[in-house]
Amino acid sequence: QVQLVEAGGGLVQPGGSLRLSCAASGRTFSSYAMGWFRQAPGKEREFVAGISRSGDSTVFADSVKGRFTISRDNAKNTVYLQMNSLKPEDTAVYSCNYGTYSNGNYYPYDYWGQGTQVTVSS
């Protein structure tokens, strides 16, 4: 059974940082690219970041480029999203996802965790 469990969300002031984690099980973790998506109230889910199976290639949405980084630890079956210089518009539920990575693009499979809430507000 595929399971993705996100953690690390919370309330942070603008300009602050958070580190999200996603623990994966039910699949051979190192065989899959991983990604992060987010969904704000009243908006569609949007891509945030993706990372290749080995972790040597990454891709980011333009809105987070230079502020967010994605990494993975295949020994721990965990993917991370380090978020710096947070803005109010980053407020959303963040979810991780299995997928594929090809030619600098991330393609998600339809496996989603419950997500973790990130709120950026003063």
N, C-alpha and C. Protein backbone atom coordinates (compact mmCIF):
# COMPACT_ATOMS: atom_id res chain seq x y z
N GLN A 1 0.84 -1.18 0.00
CA GLN A 1 0.00 0.00 0.00
C GLN A 1 0.88 1.24 0.00
N VAL A 2 0.62 2.11 -0.95
CA VAL A 2 1.39 3.34 -1.06
C VAL A 2 0.97 4.30 0.05
N GLN A 3 1.96 4.84 0.74
CA GLN A 3 1.67 5.81 1.79
C GLN A 3 2.69 6.93 1.74
N LEU A 4 2.20 8.16 1.80
CA LEU A 4 3.03 9.35 1.83
C LEU A 4 2.57 10.20 3.00
N VAL A 5 3.48 10.49 3.92
CA VAL A 5 3.12 11.23 5.12
C VAL A 5 3.98 12.48 5.23
N GLU A 6 3.33 13.62 5.07
CA GLU A 6 4.02 14.90 5.13
C GLU A 6 4.03 15.44 6.56
N ALA A 7 5.06 16.21 6.86
CA ALA A 7 5.18 16.84 8.17
C ALA A 7 6.02 18.11 8.05
N GLY A 8 5.93 18.95 9.08
CA GLY A 8 6.79 20.12 9.14
C GLY A 8 6.11 21.45 8.87
N GLY A 9 4.84 21.41 8.53
CA GLY A 9 4.13 22.66 8.27
C GLY A 9 3.87 23.44 9.55
N GLY A 10 3.34 24.64 9.38
CA GLY A 10 3.05 25.46 10.54
C GLY A 10 2.84 26.91 10.15
N LEU A 11 2.81 27.75 11.16
CA LEU A 11 2.64 29.19 10.97
C LEU A 11 4.01 29.86 11.06
N VAL A 12 4.32 30.67 10.07
CA VAL A 12 5.62 31.35 10.05
C VAL A 12 5.42 32.78 9.55
N GLN A 13 6.23 33.67 10.01
CA GLN A 13 6.15 35.06 9.57
C GLN A 13 6.78 35.22 8.18
N PRO A 14 6.35 36.22 7.44
CA PRO A 14 6.99 36.50 6.15
C PRO A 14 8.50 36.65 6.31
N GLY A 15 9.22 36.06 5.38
CA GLY A 15 10.68 36.07 5.46
C GLY A 15 11.26 34.89 6.21
N GLY A 16 10.41 34.14 6.88
CA GLY A 16 10.87 33.00 7.66
C GLY A 16 11.10 31.76 6.82
N SER A 17 11.45 30.67 7.51
CA SER A 17 11.77 29.41 6.85
C SER A 17 11.04 28.25 7.50
N LEU A 18 10.81 27.23 6.70
CA LEU A 18 10.27 25.96 7.17
C LEU A 18 10.91 24.85 6.36
N ARG A 19 11.00 23.67 6.97
CA ARG A 19 11.47 22.49 6.27
C ARG A 19 10.40 21.41 6.36
N LEU A 20 9.88 21.05 5.22
CA LEU A 20 8.89 19.99 5.15
C LEU A 20 9.57 18.66 4.87
N SER A 21 8.96 17.60 5.36
CA SER A 21 9.44 16.26 5.07
C SER A 21 8.28 15.39 4.60
N CYS A 22 8.61 14.37 3.85
CA CYS A 22 7.61 13.43 3.36
C CYS A 22 8.20 12.03 3.46
N ALA A 23 7.63 11.22 4.31
CA ALA A 23 8.06 9.84 4.48
C ALA A 23 7.22 8.95 3.59
N ALA A 24 7.89 8.16 2.75
CA ALA A 24 7.20 7.33 1.76
C ALA A 24 7.34 5.85 2.09
N SER A 25 6.32 5.09 1.77
CA SER A 25 6.36 3.65 1.95
C SER A 25 5.45 2.99 0.93
N GLY A 26 5.64 1.70 0.76
CA GLY A 26 4.79 0.96 -0.15
C GLY A 26 5.32 0.85 -1.57
N ARG A 27 6.40 1.59 -1.85
CA ARG A 27 7.05 1.52 -3.16
C ARG A 27 8.54 1.51 -2.92
N THR A 28 9.29 1.09 -3.93
CA THR A 28 10.74 1.18 -3.84
C THR A 28 11.11 2.64 -4.08
N PHE A 29 11.37 3.34 -3.00
CA PHE A 29 11.50 4.80 -3.03
C PHE A 29 12.51 5.27 -4.07
N SER A 30 13.65 4.62 -4.12
CA SER A 30 14.73 5.08 -5.00
C SER A 30 14.42 4.86 -6.48
N SER A 31 13.34 4.17 -6.78
CA SER A 31 12.95 3.92 -8.17
C SER A 31 12.09 5.04 -8.75
N TYR A 32 11.74 6.00 -7.93
CA TYR A 32 10.81 7.04 -8.35
C TYR A 32 11.39 8.43 -8.13
N ALA A 33 11.09 9.30 -9.07
CA ALA A 33 11.26 10.72 -8.80
C ALA A 33 10.20 11.13 -7.77
N MET A 34 10.45 12.23 -7.11
CA MET A 34 9.50 12.73 -6.11
C MET A 34 9.24 14.21 -6.35
N GLY A 35 8.05 14.62 -5.94
CA GLY A 35 7.71 16.02 -6.15
C GLY A 35 6.90 16.59 -5.00
N TRP A 36 6.87 17.90 -4.96
CA TRP A 36 6.03 18.63 -4.02
C TRP A 36 5.05 19.50 -4.81
N PHE A 37 3.81 19.51 -4.33
CA PHE A 37 2.77 20.35 -4.90
C PHE A 37 2.12 21.12 -3.77
N ARG A 38 1.36 22.14 -4.11
CA ARG A 38 0.62 22.88 -3.09
C ARG A 38 -0.73 23.32 -3.63
N GLN A 39 -1.65 23.50 -2.70
CA GLN A 39 -2.98 23.95 -3.07
C GLN A 39 -3.45 24.97 -2.05
N ALA A 40 -3.70 26.17 -2.54
CA ALA A 40 -4.23 27.24 -1.70
C ALA A 40 -5.75 27.22 -1.77
N PRO A 41 -6.41 27.78 -0.77
CA PRO A 41 -7.89 27.80 -0.77
C PRO A 41 -8.44 28.44 -2.04
N GLY A 42 -9.37 27.74 -2.67
CA GLY A 42 -10.00 28.28 -3.86
C GLY A 42 -9.18 28.20 -5.12
N LYS A 43 -8.02 27.57 -5.04
CA LYS A 43 -7.14 27.47 -6.21
C LYS A 43 -6.85 26.02 -6.54
N GLU A 44 -6.40 25.79 -7.76
CA GLU A 44 -6.03 24.44 -8.15
C GLU A 44 -4.65 24.08 -7.58
N ARG A 45 -4.45 22.78 -7.48
CA ARG A 45 -3.14 22.30 -7.05
C ARG A 45 -2.09 22.71 -8.07
N GLU A 46 -0.93 23.14 -7.57
CA GLU A 46 0.14 23.56 -8.48
C GLU A 46 1.45 22.91 -8.10
N PHE A 47 2.28 22.70 -9.12
CA PHE A 47 3.59 22.12 -8.94
C PHE A 47 4.51 23.10 -8.22
N VAL A 48 5.33 22.56 -7.30
CA VAL A 48 6.30 23.37 -6.59
C VAL A 48 7.73 22.97 -6.96
N ALA A 49 8.04 21.67 -6.80
CA ALA A 49 9.42 21.22 -7.03
C ALA A 49 9.43 19.73 -7.31
N GLY A 50 10.44 19.28 -8.07
CA GLY A 50 10.61 17.87 -8.35
C GLY A 50 12.08 17.50 -8.27
N ILE A 51 12.33 16.22 -7.99
CA ILE A 51 13.70 15.74 -7.86
C ILE A 51 13.80 14.36 -8.49
N SER A 52 14.90 14.12 -9.18
CA SER A 52 15.09 12.85 -9.85
C SER A 52 15.32 11.71 -8.85
N ARG A 53 15.35 10.49 -9.35
CA ARG A 53 15.49 9.32 -8.48
C ARG A 53 16.77 9.36 -7.65
N SER A 54 17.84 9.78 -8.28
CA SER A 54 19.12 9.81 -7.57
C SER A 54 19.31 11.09 -6.76
N GLY A 55 18.53 12.09 -7.06
CA GLY A 55 18.66 13.37 -6.38
C GLY A 55 19.60 14.34 -7.05
N ASP A 56 20.15 13.98 -8.20
CA ASP A 56 21.13 14.86 -8.83
C ASP A 56 20.52 15.90 -9.76
N SER A 57 19.21 15.80 -9.98
CA SER A 57 18.53 16.78 -10.83
C SER A 57 17.27 17.27 -10.14
N THR A 58 17.04 18.57 -10.23
CA THR A 58 15.87 19.17 -9.61
C THR A 58 15.22 20.18 -10.57
N VAL A 59 13.96 20.46 -10.31
CA VAL A 59 13.22 21.44 -11.09
C VAL A 59 12.26 22.16 -10.16
N PHE A 60 12.07 23.46 -10.40
CA PHE A 60 11.24 24.27 -9.52
C PHE A 60 10.26 25.12 -10.33
N ALA A 61 9.15 25.42 -9.70
CA ALA A 61 8.25 26.41 -10.27
C ALA A 61 8.92 27.77 -10.21
N ASP A 62 8.63 28.61 -11.16
CA ASP A 62 9.24 29.94 -11.20
C ASP A 62 8.95 30.73 -9.92
N SER A 63 7.80 30.50 -9.34
CA SER A 63 7.38 31.28 -8.16
C SER A 63 8.22 30.97 -6.93
N VAL A 64 8.93 29.85 -6.91
CA VAL A 64 9.71 29.48 -5.74
C VAL A 64 11.20 29.36 -6.03
N LYS A 65 11.57 29.52 -7.28
CA LYS A 65 12.97 29.36 -7.67
C LYS A 65 13.85 30.35 -6.91
N GLY A 66 14.94 29.83 -6.36
CA GLY A 66 15.85 30.66 -5.60
C GLY A 66 15.51 30.76 -4.13
N ARG A 67 14.31 30.33 -3.76
CA ARG A 67 13.89 30.38 -2.35
C ARG A 67 13.72 28.98 -1.75
N PHE A 68 13.29 28.03 -2.56
CA PHE A 68 13.04 26.67 -2.09
C PHE A 68 14.09 25.73 -2.65
N THR A 69 14.41 24.71 -1.88
CA THR A 69 15.25 23.62 -2.38
C THR A 69 14.58 22.29 -2.03
N ILE A 70 14.81 21.30 -2.86
CA ILE A 70 14.28 19.97 -2.64
C ILE A 70 15.45 19.00 -2.55
N SER A 71 15.33 18.04 -1.65
CA SER A 71 16.37 17.04 -1.49
C SER A 71 15.71 15.73 -1.08
N ARG A 72 16.49 14.66 -1.12
CA ARG A 72 15.96 13.35 -0.74
C ARG A 72 17.04 12.53 -0.08
N ASP A 73 16.59 11.63 0.78
CA ASP A 73 17.47 10.66 1.43
C ASP A 73 16.89 9.29 1.12
N ASN A 74 17.48 8.62 0.16
CA ASN A 74 16.93 7.33 -0.26
C ASN A 74 17.09 6.25 0.82
N ALA A 75 18.04 6.41 1.71
CA ALA A 75 18.19 5.46 2.81
C ALA A 75 17.06 5.58 3.82
N LYS A 76 16.46 6.78 3.89
CA LYS A 76 15.37 7.01 4.84
C LYS A 76 14.01 7.08 4.16
N ASN A 77 13.99 6.88 2.83
CA ASN A 77 12.72 6.95 2.08
C ASN A 77 12.00 8.27 2.34
N THR A 78 12.75 9.35 2.33
CA THR A 78 12.19 10.64 2.69
C THR A 78 12.65 11.72 1.70
N VAL A 79 11.70 12.58 1.36
CA VAL A 79 12.01 13.75 0.53
C VAL A 79 11.72 15.00 1.36
N TYR A 80 12.52 16.03 1.13
CA TYR A 80 12.42 17.26 1.92
C TYR A 80 12.17 18.46 1.01
N LEU A 81 11.55 19.47 1.59
CA LEU A 81 11.39 20.75 0.91
C LEU A 81 11.80 21.84 1.89
N GLN A 82 12.93 22.46 1.62
CA GLN A 82 13.41 23.58 2.43
C GLN A 82 12.87 24.87 1.83
N MET A 83 12.11 25.60 2.62
CA MET A 83 11.46 26.82 2.13
C MET A 83 12.02 28.02 2.89
N ASN A 84 12.66 28.91 2.18
CA ASN A 84 13.23 30.13 2.76
C ASN A 84 12.54 31.36 2.18
N SER A 85 12.73 32.48 2.85
CA SER A 85 12.16 33.75 2.39
C SER A 85 10.68 33.61 2.06
N LEU A 86 9.95 32.99 2.97
CA LEU A 86 8.54 32.70 2.71
C LEU A 86 7.71 33.98 2.58
N LYS A 87 6.71 33.88 1.72
CA LYS A 87 5.81 35.00 1.44
C LYS A 87 4.37 34.59 1.77
N PRO A 88 3.50 35.53 2.02
CA PRO A 88 2.10 35.18 2.28
C PRO A 88 1.49 34.35 1.15
N GLU A 89 1.89 34.59 -0.08
CA GLU A 89 1.34 33.82 -1.19
C GLU A 89 1.83 32.38 -1.24
N ASP A 90 2.75 32.00 -0.36
CA ASP A 90 3.16 30.61 -0.24
C ASP A 90 2.21 29.81 0.65
N THR A 91 1.27 30.48 1.27
CA THR A 91 0.30 29.80 2.14
C THR A 91 -0.52 28.80 1.33
N ALA A 92 -0.49 27.53 1.79
CA ALA A 92 -1.18 26.45 1.08
C ALA A 92 -1.00 25.16 1.86
N VAL A 93 -1.72 24.14 1.42
CA VAL A 93 -1.46 22.77 1.87
C VAL A 93 -0.45 22.17 0.90
N TYR A 94 0.66 21.68 1.47
CA TYR A 94 1.74 21.12 0.66
C TYR A 94 1.68 19.59 0.73
N SER A 95 1.76 18.96 -0.43
CA SER A 95 1.69 17.51 -0.53
C SER A 95 2.84 16.99 -1.37
N CYS A 96 3.32 15.80 -1.03
CA CYS A 96 4.36 15.17 -1.83
C CYS A 96 3.74 14.10 -2.73
N ASN A 97 4.57 13.59 -3.62
CA ASN A 97 4.00 12.79 -4.71
C ASN A 97 5.09 11.94 -5.36
N TYR A 98 4.74 10.74 -5.80
CA TYR A 98 5.63 9.94 -6.64
C TYR A 98 5.48 10.39 -8.09
N GLY A 99 6.54 10.26 -8.87
CA GLY A 99 6.43 10.60 -10.27
C GLY A 99 7.63 10.17 -11.07
N THR A 100 7.76 10.77 -12.24
CA THR A 100 8.92 10.55 -13.08
C THR A 100 9.57 11.88 -13.41
N TYR A 101 10.84 11.81 -13.77
CA TYR A 101 11.60 13.02 -14.09
C TYR A 101 12.28 12.80 -15.43
N SER A 102 12.02 13.70 -16.37
CA SER A 102 12.59 13.53 -17.70
C SER A 102 12.79 14.89 -18.36
N ASN A 103 13.97 15.07 -18.93
CA ASN A 103 14.27 16.30 -19.67
C ASN A 103 13.94 17.57 -18.89
N GLY A 104 14.26 17.54 -17.61
CA GLY A 104 14.06 18.72 -16.79
C GLY A 104 12.63 18.97 -16.35
N ASN A 105 11.78 18.00 -16.56
CA ASN A 105 10.38 18.14 -16.17
C ASN A 105 9.96 17.01 -15.23
N TYR A 106 9.03 17.34 -14.36
CA TYR A 106 8.51 16.35 -13.41
C TYR A 106 7.08 16.01 -13.79
N TYR A 107 6.79 14.71 -13.80
CA TYR A 107 5.47 14.21 -14.18
C TYR A 107 4.90 13.40 -13.03
N PRO A 108 3.83 13.87 -12.38
CA PRO A 108 3.34 13.19 -11.19
C PRO A 108 2.48 11.97 -11.49
N TYR A 109 2.60 10.97 -10.64
CA TYR A 109 1.64 9.88 -10.60
C TYR A 109 0.52 10.29 -9.66
N ASP A 110 -0.54 9.51 -9.69
CA ASP A 110 -1.71 9.88 -8.90
C ASP A 110 -1.66 9.27 -7.51
N TYR A 111 -0.57 9.55 -6.79
CA TYR A 111 -0.45 9.12 -5.40
C TYR A 111 -0.15 10.37 -4.58
N TRP A 112 -1.00 10.62 -3.61
CA TRP A 112 -0.87 11.85 -2.82
C TRP A 112 -0.98 11.56 -1.33
N GLY A 113 -0.25 12.32 -0.54
CA GLY A 113 -0.41 12.28 0.89
C GLY A 113 -1.52 13.21 1.33
N GLN A 114 -1.73 13.29 2.64
CA GLN A 114 -2.78 14.17 3.18
C GLN A 114 -2.37 15.63 3.16
N GLY A 115 -1.08 15.85 3.12
CA GLY A 115 -0.60 17.22 3.06
C GLY A 115 -0.33 17.82 4.43
N THR A 116 0.41 18.91 4.41
CA THR A 116 0.70 19.66 5.64
C THR A 116 0.47 21.14 5.37
N GLN A 117 -0.18 21.80 6.31
CA GLN A 117 -0.56 23.21 6.11
C GLN A 117 0.61 24.13 6.41
N VAL A 118 0.86 25.02 5.48
CA VAL A 118 1.85 26.08 5.66
C VAL A 118 1.12 27.41 5.60
N THR A 119 1.26 28.19 6.65
CA THR A 119 0.62 29.51 6.70
C THR A 119 1.69 30.57 6.94
N VAL A 120 1.77 31.51 6.04
CA VAL A 120 2.74 32.59 6.15
C VAL A 120 1.98 33.88 6.44
N SER A 121 2.14 34.37 7.65
CA SER A 121 1.37 35.54 8.07
C SER A 121 2.06 36.22 9.23
N SER A 122 1.90 37.52 9.29
CA SER A 122 2.44 38.28 10.43
C SER A 122 1.37 38.46 11.49
